[in-house]
Amino acid sequence: MPFKKSQFIFYAGLAFIIGVGLASFFPWPWLIVYAVFVLGLALLLLARSKSRLSLTALCLLFFACGLARYQISIPVINENHLAFYNNQANAPLGQMTSLTFRGLIDDEPDVRKDHVKYQVKGLDKRGNVLVKAPLFPPYQYGDVLEITCQLQQPEPIVAEPGQGGGKDFQYDKYLALSDIYSLCYRGRIKLIEAGQGNLFKSSILKIKDKVVAVAGQILPEPQASFLGGLLWGAKKGLPEEVLDNFSRTGVTHIIAVSGYNITIIAVMLTNLFIGLGLSRKNAFWLIIFGIVFFVVITGSPASIVRAGIMGTIALLAQTFGRATRMRNILVIVCLIMLLFNPKVLIWDAGFQLSFLATIGLIYFVPILKKYMMWLPKIFTIRESLTTTLSAIVLTTPLILFQFGRFSLLAPLANLLILPVIPVNMAVGFLAVVGGLIWQPIGQVTGWVSWVILTYVLKLTEVLAALQWALLPIPNLHWVFMVGGYLIIGWLIYKHEKNH
């Protein structure tokens, strides 16, 4: 029986993704990659159109391409790469010599309470360096710097025993997502030239700085930083205790830079607009405009661009098509993202959570809907809980494995908080726009936003104080995670087969 074109697309894309995943764990000899590609090409020439053999051949070709794409992304470390000078060939720290190089700040500075981190792209040598520097003098995106520093190799961060079930953090892999393979902690920095970055990105970041300043003028802290987390993904100004409360109650996703928050909030906003009388199609285009605005105003980092794409896919599934038609779109989008950066598949938890939450919204919401008919529709309570539980179900096995802890209060906290988030985003946005025009307008509108923000902050504080709010599950074996997703996959398959 001949295969359909959609099956060829799905399985070939899946083979590419599997190739990237396997190459992420261990290197493959280029001879084997070449042999798999040649075998696939030979079988494709011999096979009949749309036959099982042609499908196998296409999968082999894409599998080899996935292996090759990941391995090409690993830089060649030689004298022309900054990472070559890390630790000076493992010399003792006291014997290390400094390296002087020129670099461009090619991302928004990461400002903390007592220091700032700059992502610096080498100009006279290849490679990126994460530079930790004092708050003053401040440098900006697009500045060209001359840096003298003892470069160090990024290492994994080992979790201390008894810290709430936390797991080791693969800090080196996390930095490699941005092609950062060197660290500079105590360097001498000299400004060479300013304004050498991308003009569009520089303009957006200046607008963002203005918006952040206005939010700080119309709202007190921590409400101002919380609003920043909701509107443009900025959570660095939030106190540690607030972030810990969000973590313990399972609502960190509302301020996380991932598709988790965008997909959930976008679907909820759609339900809200439909409840206000808009057609589903008009609500769809209104939310798409909001997603594009969100991506642009944040400076369009890769993580938020991916999040915006995943939110759009979830809306497409709910607005225009059956879930069965979405699997090819998901595979194609994943393939395109991996072409840009194959490291995100295994080493970027935000990427994984984005995809899993989107799959939950597309495939698991229909399964849960029939069990949620007893809930009232008022204030979109039924839709909110169904959407939230679907995302929680799909992301829980990964969260347990990656982070070693689980919030028992997540369903309750999300039910009480998520319905007010879209309203606050709209009110907060109007307050910021009003503040840009005339500060008193922003302050009046911001008072409504302050009430909602304070409600969320106080509620998470009360719930997080419960001793049993967070369940630590340290050292969960990956087999349990895989088993969880096999069960979820079987449930989705059974539901799709019956519909």
Protein backbone atom coordinates (compact mmCIF):
# COMPACT_ATOMS: atom_id res chain seq x y z
CA MET A 1 0.00 0.00 0.00
CA PRO A 2 1.51 3.37 -0.99
CA PHE A 3 2.21 5.91 1.71
CA LYS A 4 0.69 9.39 1.73
CA LYS A 5 2.81 12.49 1.16
CA SER A 6 1.99 13.67 4.70
CA GLN A 7 3.49 10.46 6.11
CA PHE A 8 6.72 11.04 4.18
CA ILE A 9 6.94 14.55 5.63
CA PHE A 10 6.27 13.40 9.18
CA TYR A 11 8.63 10.42 9.30
CA ALA A 12 11.44 12.17 7.42
CA GLY A 13 11.26 15.14 9.79
CA LEU A 14 11.14 12.79 12.77
CA ALA A 15 14.26 10.98 11.47
CA PHE A 16 16.11 14.33 11.30
CA ILE A 17 15.09 15.13 14.89
CA ILE A 18 16.24 11.70 16.09
CA GLY A 19 19.57 12.20 14.32
CA VAL A 20 20.10 15.53 16.09
CA GLY A 21 19.14 13.93 19.42
CA LEU A 22 21.57 11.02 19.11
CA ALA A 23 24.41 13.27 17.98
CA SER A 24 23.80 15.45 21.04
CA PHE A 25 24.92 12.65 23.36
CA PHE A 26 27.97 11.28 21.56
CA PRO A 27 29.92 12.14 18.39
CA TRP A 28 29.47 10.02 15.29
CA PRO A 29 32.44 9.34 12.98
CA TRP A 30 31.97 11.26 9.76
CA LEU A 31 32.55 8.05 7.82
CA ILE A 32 29.41 6.51 9.37
CA VAL A 33 27.38 9.67 8.70
CA TYR A 34 28.54 9.62 5.09
CA ALA A 35 27.79 5.87 4.74
CA VAL A 36 24.22 6.29 6.08
CA PHE A 37 23.61 9.16 3.66
CA VAL A 38 24.95 7.20 0.66
CA LEU A 39 22.88 4.14 1.63
CA GLY A 40 19.74 6.26 1.84
CA LEU A 41 20.49 7.88 -1.52
CA ALA A 42 21.08 4.49 -3.17
CA LEU A 43 17.84 3.03 -1.79
CA LEU A 44 15.92 6.12 -2.89
CA LEU A 45 17.15 5.65 -6.48
CA LEU A 46 16.12 1.97 -6.44
CA ALA A 47 12.76 2.35 -4.71
CA ARG A 48 9.38 2.91 -6.30
CA SER A 49 7.52 6.13 -5.58
CA LYS A 50 5.71 6.24 -2.21
CA SER A 51 6.74 2.68 -1.31
CA ARG A 52 7.97 1.44 2.06
CA LEU A 53 11.51 1.28 0.68
CA SER A 54 11.38 4.89 -0.50
CA LEU A 55 10.14 5.97 2.95
CA THR A 56 13.01 4.08 4.59
CA ALA A 57 15.50 5.67 2.20
CA LEU A 58 14.18 9.18 2.89
CA CYS A 59 14.36 8.57 6.65
CA LEU A 60 18.00 7.44 6.33
CA LEU A 61 18.85 10.59 4.36
CA PHE A 62 17.23 12.89 6.91
CA PHE A 63 18.71 10.92 9.81
CA ALA A 64 22.21 11.43 8.37
CA CYS A 65 21.46 15.13 7.84
CA GLY A 66 20.39 15.42 11.50
CA LEU A 67 23.65 13.83 12.65
CA ALA A 68 25.66 16.13 10.40
CA ARG A 69 23.77 19.29 11.42
CA TYR A 70 24.54 18.84 15.10
CA GLN A 71 28.19 17.99 14.56
CA ILE A 72 28.68 21.00 12.28
CA SER A 73 27.39 23.20 15.12
CA ILE A 74 30.32 22.18 17.37
CA PRO A 75 33.12 24.72 16.77
CA VAL A 76 36.63 23.76 15.79
CA ILE A 77 38.83 24.93 18.67
CA ASN A 78 42.20 26.18 17.38
CA GLU A 79 44.44 29.23 17.75
CA ASN A 80 41.83 31.39 16.03
CA HIS A 81 39.09 30.53 18.53
CA LEU A 82 38.87 32.21 21.95
CA ALA A 83 38.07 28.90 23.69
CA PHE A 84 41.55 27.67 22.73
CA TYR A 85 42.91 29.95 25.45
CA ASN A 86 40.62 28.66 28.24
CA ASN A 87 42.59 27.75 31.37
CA GLN A 88 45.77 27.93 29.28
CA ALA A 89 45.78 24.18 28.59
CA ASN A 90 44.64 23.40 32.18
CA ALA A 91 47.48 25.33 33.80
CA PRO A 92 47.06 26.08 37.53
CA LEU A 93 44.99 29.20 38.11
CA GLY A 94 47.92 31.15 39.54
CA GLN A 95 50.01 30.43 36.46
CA MET A 96 47.42 31.40 33.86
CA THR A 97 48.29 34.28 31.57
CA SER A 98 45.85 36.91 30.39
CA LEU A 99 44.63 37.26 26.83
CA THR A 100 43.79 40.60 25.23
CA PHE A 101 41.08 40.54 22.56
CA ARG A 102 38.46 42.78 21.00
CA GLY A 103 34.78 41.93 21.06
CA LEU A 104 31.31 43.30 20.37
CA ILE A 105 28.49 43.20 22.94
CA ASP A 106 25.94 41.42 20.75
CA ASP A 107 23.06 40.98 23.20
CA GLU A 108 21.21 42.94 25.86
CA PRO A 109 23.32 43.29 29.04
CA ASP A 110 22.15 41.02 31.86
CA VAL A 111 22.04 43.43 34.81
CA ARG A 112 21.97 41.90 38.30
CA LYS A 113 22.02 43.49 41.78
CA ASP A 114 25.80 43.69 42.15
CA HIS A 115 27.20 42.94 38.69
CA VAL A 116 26.36 42.75 34.99
CA LYS A 117 27.01 40.05 32.41
CA TYR A 118 27.86 40.83 28.80
CA GLN A 119 27.74 38.39 25.90
CA VAL A 120 30.75 39.42 23.83
CA LYS A 121 31.38 38.22 20.28
CA GLY A 122 35.06 38.02 19.39
CA LEU A 123 36.22 40.25 16.53
CA ASP A 124 39.90 39.43 16.14
CA LYS A 125 39.24 35.79 17.12
CA ARG A 126 36.17 33.59 16.70
CA GLY A 127 33.88 32.60 19.56
CA ASN A 128 31.71 34.20 22.23
CA VAL A 129 32.68 35.04 25.82
CA LEU A 130 30.44 35.67 28.82
CA VAL A 131 32.02 38.61 30.64
CA LYS A 132 31.12 39.35 34.27
CA ALA A 133 31.84 42.97 35.14
CA PRO A 134 30.99 45.64 37.77
CA LEU A 135 27.82 47.70 37.34
CA PHE A 136 29.92 50.80 36.59
CA PRO A 137 30.96 51.92 34.10
CA PRO A 138 27.97 50.54 32.18
CA TYR A 139 28.31 49.33 28.59
CA GLN A 140 25.55 48.84 26.03
CA TYR A 141 24.58 46.54 23.19
CA GLY A 142 26.73 47.39 20.16
CA ASP A 143 29.78 48.60 22.13
CA VAL A 144 33.17 47.37 20.92
CA LEU A 145 35.41 46.53 23.88
CA GLU A 146 39.05 45.67 24.39
CA ILE A 147 39.18 43.02 27.12
CA THR A 148 42.17 41.62 28.96
CA CYS A 149 41.23 38.53 30.91
CA GLN A 150 42.16 35.01 32.00
CA LEU A 151 39.57 32.98 30.11
CA GLN A 152 38.02 30.01 31.87
CA GLN A 153 36.19 26.90 30.71
CA PRO A 154 32.47 26.71 31.68
CA GLU A 155 31.72 23.77 33.96
CA PRO A 156 28.53 22.07 35.20
CA ILE A 157 27.18 23.37 38.53
CA VAL A 158 26.81 20.54 41.03
CA ALA A 159 23.73 20.83 43.28
CA GLU A 160 24.37 20.85 47.01
CA PRO A 161 22.72 18.03 49.00
CA GLY A 162 19.49 18.91 50.76
CA GLN A 163 18.52 21.84 48.51
CA GLY A 164 14.92 20.88 47.86
CA GLY A 165 15.60 18.09 45.40
CA GLY A 166 17.53 20.26 42.97
CA LYS A 167 19.66 18.60 40.32
CA ASP A 168 23.01 19.39 38.75
CA PHE A 169 22.86 22.26 36.25
CA GLN A 170 24.66 21.69 32.97
CA TYR A 171 25.92 25.27 32.85
CA ASP A 172 28.42 24.51 30.09
CA LYS A 173 25.68 23.10 27.85
CA TYR A 174 23.40 26.03 28.68
CA LEU A 175 26.05 28.54 27.56
CA ALA A 176 26.82 26.47 24.47
CA LEU A 177 23.26 27.19 23.30
CA SER A 178 24.51 30.74 22.62
CA ASP A 179 27.87 29.47 21.32
CA ILE A 180 29.56 30.65 24.52
CA TYR A 181 32.56 28.47 25.37
CA SER A 182 34.60 30.91 27.50
CA LEU A 183 34.10 32.86 30.74
CA CYS A 184 35.76 36.07 31.89
CA TYR A 185 35.27 37.01 35.55
CA ARG A 186 37.87 39.64 36.45
CA GLY A 187 38.92 41.30 33.24
CA ARG A 188 40.10 44.79 32.39
CA ILE A 189 37.66 46.43 29.99
CA LYS A 190 38.23 49.41 27.72
CA LEU A 191 35.60 50.97 25.45
CA ILE A 192 36.85 51.25 21.87
CA GLU A 193 33.75 52.28 19.94
CA ALA A 194 29.98 52.53 20.55
CA GLY A 195 26.93 51.96 18.37
CA GLN A 196 28.25 49.12 16.22
CA GLY A 197 25.34 46.70 16.71
CA ASN A 198 22.33 46.01 14.52
CA LEU A 199 20.40 49.28 14.11
CA PHE A 200 16.95 47.67 14.37
CA LYS A 201 17.83 45.67 17.48
CA SER A 202 19.49 48.67 19.06
CA SER A 203 16.36 50.77 18.48
CA ILE A 204 14.10 48.08 19.96
CA LEU A 205 16.27 47.76 23.06
CA LYS A 206 16.14 51.53 23.58
CA ILE A 207 12.34 51.44 23.35
CA LYS A 208 12.31 48.53 25.79
CA ASP A 209 14.49 50.49 28.23
CA LYS A 210 12.01 53.37 28.02
CA VAL A 211 9.08 51.04 28.64
CA VAL A 212 10.85 49.48 31.64
CA ALA A 213 11.53 52.94 33.06
CA VAL A 214 7.86 53.94 32.66
CA ALA A 215 6.71 50.74 34.39
CA GLY A 216 9.00 51.61 37.31
CA GLN A 217 7.49 55.09 37.51
CA ILE A 218 3.80 54.06 37.54
CA LEU A 219 4.13 50.99 39.79
CA PRO A 220 6.12 50.18 42.95
CA GLU A 221 8.30 47.12 43.35
CA PRO A 222 7.91 44.18 43.10
CA GLN A 223 4.72 44.85 41.09
CA ALA A 224 6.67 46.76 38.40
CA SER A 225 9.10 43.87 37.85
CA PHE A 226 6.22 41.38 37.90
CA LEU A 227 4.44 43.34 35.17
CA GLY A 228 7.70 43.35 33.22
CA GLY A 229 7.83 39.56 33.51
CA LEU A 230 4.30 39.27 32.14
CA LEU A 231 4.61 41.74 29.28
CA TRP A 232 8.17 41.30 28.05
CA GLY A 233 9.63 38.34 29.93
CA ALA A 234 11.86 40.37 32.26
CA LYS A 235 12.03 38.65 35.65
CA LYS A 236 15.50 39.64 36.82
CA GLY A 237 14.19 42.46 39.01
CA LEU A 238 11.94 40.18 41.02
CA PRO A 239 13.15 39.34 44.55
CA GLU A 240 14.37 35.79 45.13
CA GLU A 241 11.55 35.09 47.58
CA VAL A 242 8.94 35.97 44.93
CA LEU A 243 10.60 33.69 42.37
CA ASP A 244 10.74 30.94 44.99
CA ASN A 245 7.02 31.38 45.71
CA PHE A 246 6.25 31.05 42.01
CA SER A 247 8.37 27.91 41.81
CA ARG A 248 6.78 26.27 44.85
CA THR A 249 3.27 26.93 43.53
CA GLY A 250 3.99 25.90 39.93
CA VAL A 251 3.24 29.24 38.23
CA THR A 252 6.75 30.23 37.13
CA HIS A 253 5.66 29.75 33.53
CA ILE A 254 3.65 33.01 33.57
CA ILE A 255 6.93 34.97 33.64
CA ALA A 256 9.18 32.39 31.96
CA VAL A 257 10.73 33.13 28.57
CA SER A 258 9.30 30.04 26.88
CA GLY A 259 6.33 28.92 24.84
CA TYR A 260 4.70 27.57 28.01
CA ASN A 261 3.36 30.97 29.04
CA ILE A 262 2.62 32.22 25.53
CA THR A 263 0.66 29.13 24.50
CA ILE A 264 -1.45 29.08 27.66
CA ILE A 265 -2.07 32.83 27.81
CA ALA A 266 -2.74 33.07 24.06
CA VAL A 267 -5.42 30.38 24.22
CA MET A 268 -6.96 31.99 27.30
CA LEU A 269 -7.00 35.42 25.63
CA THR A 270 -8.74 33.86 22.64
CA ASN A 271 -11.44 32.42 24.92
CA LEU A 272 -11.77 35.80 26.66
CA PHE A 273 -12.23 37.70 23.37
CA ILE A 274 -14.75 35.14 22.14
CA GLY A 275 -16.63 35.61 25.41
CA LEU A 276 -16.69 39.35 24.73
CA GLY A 277 -18.36 38.75 21.37
CA LEU A 278 -15.51 38.55 18.87
CA SER A 279 -15.47 35.77 16.30
CA ARG A 280 -12.83 33.06 16.72
CA LYS A 281 -11.11 34.21 13.52
CA ASN A 282 -10.96 37.87 14.57
CA ALA A 283 -9.72 36.87 18.04
CA PHE A 284 -7.02 34.77 16.36
CA TRP A 285 -5.62 37.69 14.36
CA LEU A 286 -5.78 39.99 17.40
CA ILE A 287 -3.71 37.52 19.46
CA ILE A 288 -1.24 37.02 16.60
CA PHE A 289 -0.67 40.78 16.58
CA GLY A 290 -0.08 40.64 20.35
CA ILE A 291 2.42 37.79 19.98
CA VAL A 292 4.36 39.65 17.29
CA PHE A 293 4.42 42.79 19.45
CA PHE A 294 5.66 40.76 22.42
CA VAL A 295 8.46 39.20 20.35
CA VAL A 296 9.56 42.57 18.96
CA ILE A 297 9.45 44.53 22.22
CA THR A 298 11.63 41.93 23.99
CA GLY A 299 14.39 42.44 21.42
CA SER A 300 13.53 39.20 19.57
CA PRO A 301 15.92 36.78 21.31
CA ALA A 302 15.83 33.26 19.88
CA SER A 303 14.03 31.81 22.93
CA ILE A 304 11.12 34.26 22.65
CA VAL A 305 10.91 33.89 18.86
CA ARG A 306 10.54 30.13 19.41
CA ALA A 307 7.94 30.78 22.11
CA GLY A 308 5.97 33.03 19.77
CA ILE A 309 6.01 30.36 17.06
CA MET A 310 4.73 27.71 19.48
CA GLY A 311 1.94 30.01 20.66
CA THR A 312 0.92 30.59 17.06
CA ILE A 313 0.84 26.84 16.37
CA ALA A 314 -1.43 26.24 19.39
CA LEU A 315 -3.79 28.96 18.17
CA LEU A 316 -3.80 27.51 14.65
CA ALA A 317 -4.82 24.13 16.02
CA GLN A 318 -7.66 25.58 18.09
CA THR A 319 -8.88 28.06 15.47
CA PHE A 320 -8.62 26.40 12.06
CA GLY A 321 -7.72 22.73 12.14
CA ARG A 322 -8.16 19.34 13.72
CA ALA A 323 -5.36 18.11 15.95
CA THR A 324 -4.66 15.25 13.54
CA ARG A 325 -3.53 17.77 10.92
CA MET A 326 -1.04 19.46 13.24
CA ARG A 327 1.62 16.78 13.65
CA ASN A 328 3.34 17.65 10.37
CA ILE A 329 3.36 21.34 11.29
CA LEU A 330 4.94 20.54 14.67
CA VAL A 331 7.61 18.35 13.07
CA ILE A 332 8.41 20.89 10.35
CA VAL A 333 8.65 23.75 12.87
CA CYS A 334 10.91 21.66 15.11
CA LEU A 335 13.11 20.75 12.13
CA ILE A 336 13.46 24.41 11.09
CA MET A 337 14.37 25.45 14.65
CA LEU A 338 16.99 22.70 14.83
CA LEU A 339 18.46 23.85 11.53
CA PHE A 340 19.10 27.22 13.19
CA ASN A 341 20.34 25.77 16.50
CA PRO A 342 20.43 21.97 16.93
CA LYS A 343 21.71 22.22 20.53
CA VAL A 344 18.30 23.28 21.84
CA LEU A 345 16.74 19.82 21.39
CA ILE A 346 18.50 18.19 24.34
CA TRP A 347 20.09 21.05 26.30
CA ASP A 348 17.36 23.75 26.33
CA ALA A 349 14.63 23.01 28.89
CA GLY A 350 12.65 26.03 27.68
CA PHE A 351 12.53 24.61 24.14
CA GLN A 352 11.39 21.24 25.45
CA LEU A 353 8.72 22.75 27.72
CA SER A 354 7.47 24.91 24.84
CA PHE A 355 6.92 21.93 22.57
CA LEU A 356 5.42 19.74 25.28
CA ALA A 357 3.01 22.45 26.45
CA THR A 358 1.95 23.05 22.84
CA ILE A 359 1.40 19.32 22.28
CA GLY A 360 -0.70 19.28 25.44
CA LEU A 361 -2.85 22.18 24.21
CA ILE A 362 -3.34 20.55 20.81
CA TYR A 363 -3.78 16.88 21.71
CA PHE A 364 -4.61 16.60 25.42
CA VAL A 365 -7.21 19.36 25.79
CA PRO A 366 -9.77 17.30 23.76
CA ILE A 367 -9.16 14.32 26.07
CA LEU A 368 -9.75 16.35 29.25
CA LYS A 369 -12.71 18.38 27.97
CA LYS A 370 -15.30 15.67 28.59
CA TYR A 371 -14.14 15.38 32.21
CA MET A 372 -14.41 19.13 32.80
CA MET A 373 -18.03 19.68 31.75
CA TRP A 374 -19.07 20.10 35.39
CA LEU A 375 -17.03 23.28 35.74
CA PRO A 376 -18.73 26.65 35.07
CA LYS A 377 -17.85 28.64 31.95
CA ILE A 378 -17.96 31.97 33.78
CA PHE A 379 -14.63 33.87 33.71
CA THR A 380 -13.35 31.08 31.39
CA ILE A 381 -12.85 28.83 34.46
CA ARG A 382 -13.49 25.63 32.51
CA GLU A 383 -11.16 26.56 29.66
CA SER A 384 -8.49 27.82 32.05
CA LEU A 385 -8.34 24.63 34.11
CA THR A 386 -8.51 22.35 31.06
CA THR A 387 -5.71 24.25 29.34
CA THR A 388 -3.58 24.37 32.47
CA LEU A 389 -3.99 20.70 33.33
CA SER A 390 -3.17 19.68 29.75
CA ALA A 391 0.09 21.62 29.85
CA ILE A 392 0.88 20.28 33.34
CA VAL A 393 0.32 16.66 32.28
CA LEU A 394 2.62 16.97 29.26
CA THR A 395 5.40 18.80 31.09
CA THR A 396 5.38 16.96 34.44
CA PRO A 397 7.60 13.97 33.46
CA LEU A 398 10.24 16.35 32.07
CA ILE A 399 10.05 18.69 35.08
CA LEU A 400 10.47 15.76 37.47
CA PHE A 401 13.51 14.53 35.57
CA GLN A 402 15.12 17.91 34.85
CA PHE A 403 14.49 19.71 38.12
CA GLY A 404 13.81 16.92 40.64
CA ARG A 405 10.75 18.54 42.21
CA PHE A 406 7.03 18.98 41.61
CA SER A 407 4.47 21.47 42.91
CA LEU A 408 1.44 19.75 44.41
CA LEU A 409 -0.42 23.07 44.39
CA ALA A 410 0.12 23.82 40.68
CA PRO A 411 -3.46 22.97 39.54
CA LEU A 412 -5.07 25.05 42.31
CA ALA A 413 -2.65 27.97 41.96
CA ASN A 414 -3.06 28.08 38.19
CA LEU A 415 -6.85 27.91 38.47
CA LEU A 416 -6.86 30.90 40.84
CA ILE A 417 -4.23 32.92 38.98
CA LEU A 418 -4.44 32.26 35.24
CA PRO A 419 -7.93 33.75 34.69
CA VAL A 420 -6.71 37.18 35.85
CA ILE A 421 -3.42 37.14 33.90
CA PRO A 422 -4.87 38.07 30.47
CA VAL A 423 -6.89 40.88 32.08
CA ASN A 424 -3.82 42.20 33.85
CA MET A 425 -1.72 41.98 30.69
CA ALA A 426 -4.28 44.14 28.87
CA VAL A 427 -4.61 46.63 31.76
CA GLY A 428 -0.85 46.70 32.34
CA PHE A 429 -0.20 47.30 28.66
CA LEU A 430 -2.64 50.21 28.63
CA ALA A 431 -1.01 51.61 31.79
CA VAL A 432 2.45 51.54 30.20
CA VAL A 433 1.18 53.13 26.97
CA GLY A 434 -0.63 55.77 29.01
CA GLY A 435 2.54 56.39 31.03
CA LEU A 436 4.50 56.93 27.82
CA ILE A 437 2.00 59.61 26.80
CA TRP A 438 1.57 61.27 30.22
CA GLN A 439 2.68 59.74 33.50
CA PRO A 440 -0.51 60.52 35.54
CA ILE A 441 -2.61 58.57 32.98
CA GLY A 442 -0.36 55.56 33.47
CA GLN A 443 -0.55 55.86 37.25
CA VAL A 444 -4.37 55.91 37.27
CA THR A 445 -4.64 52.86 34.99
CA GLY A 446 -1.72 51.24 36.78
CA TRP A 447 -3.68 51.23 40.04
CA VAL A 448 -6.00 48.55 38.59
CA SER A 449 -2.99 46.57 37.46
CA TRP A 450 -1.42 46.95 40.93
CA VAL A 451 -4.51 45.37 42.55
CA ILE A 452 -4.31 42.29 40.30
CA LEU A 453 -0.53 41.97 40.61
CA THR A 454 -0.72 42.23 44.39
CA TYR A 455 -3.44 39.57 44.47
CA VAL A 456 -1.17 37.14 42.58
CA LEU A 457 1.87 37.95 44.72
CA LYS A 458 -0.01 37.54 48.01
CA LEU A 459 -1.76 34.36 46.89
CA THR A 460 1.52 32.68 45.86
CA GLU A 461 3.07 33.82 49.15
CA VAL A 462 0.28 32.17 51.18
CA LEU A 463 0.26 28.94 49.16
CA ALA A 464 4.06 28.66 49.06
CA ALA A 465 4.16 28.88 52.87
CA LEU A 466 2.50 25.46 53.09
CA GLN A 467 5.15 22.90 53.96
CA TRP A 468 3.80 20.32 51.53
CA ALA A 469 3.56 22.75 48.58
CA LEU A 470 6.67 21.36 46.88
CA LEU A 471 7.43 17.66 46.62
CA PRO A 472 11.15 16.91 46.11
CA ILE A 473 11.85 13.93 43.83
CA PRO A 474 15.65 13.76 43.53
CA ASN A 475 17.56 11.44 41.21
CA LEU A 476 14.58 10.35 39.10
CA HIS A 477 15.86 7.91 36.47
CA TRP A 478 15.22 8.82 32.83
CA VAL A 479 13.37 5.51 32.36
CA PHE A 480 10.48 6.86 34.46
CA MET A 481 10.30 9.99 32.29
CA VAL A 482 10.20 7.89 29.11
CA GLY A 483 7.58 5.61 30.70
CA GLY A 484 5.42 8.63 31.53
CA TYR A 485 5.52 9.88 27.95
CA LEU A 486 4.76 6.41 26.59
CA ILE A 487 1.58 6.36 28.70
CA ILE A 488 0.64 9.89 27.59
CA GLY A 489 1.38 8.98 23.97
CA TRP A 490 -0.84 5.89 24.23
CA LEU A 491 -3.72 7.97 25.61
CA ILE A 492 -3.38 10.49 22.77
CA TYR A 493 -3.13 7.72 20.16
CA LYS A 494 -6.23 5.99 21.53
CA HIS A 495 -8.21 9.23 21.52
CA GLU A 496 -7.14 10.18 17.98
CA LYS A 497 -7.96 6.69 16.70
CA ASN A 498 -11.50 6.90 18.11
CA HIS A 499 -12.07 10.34 16.60
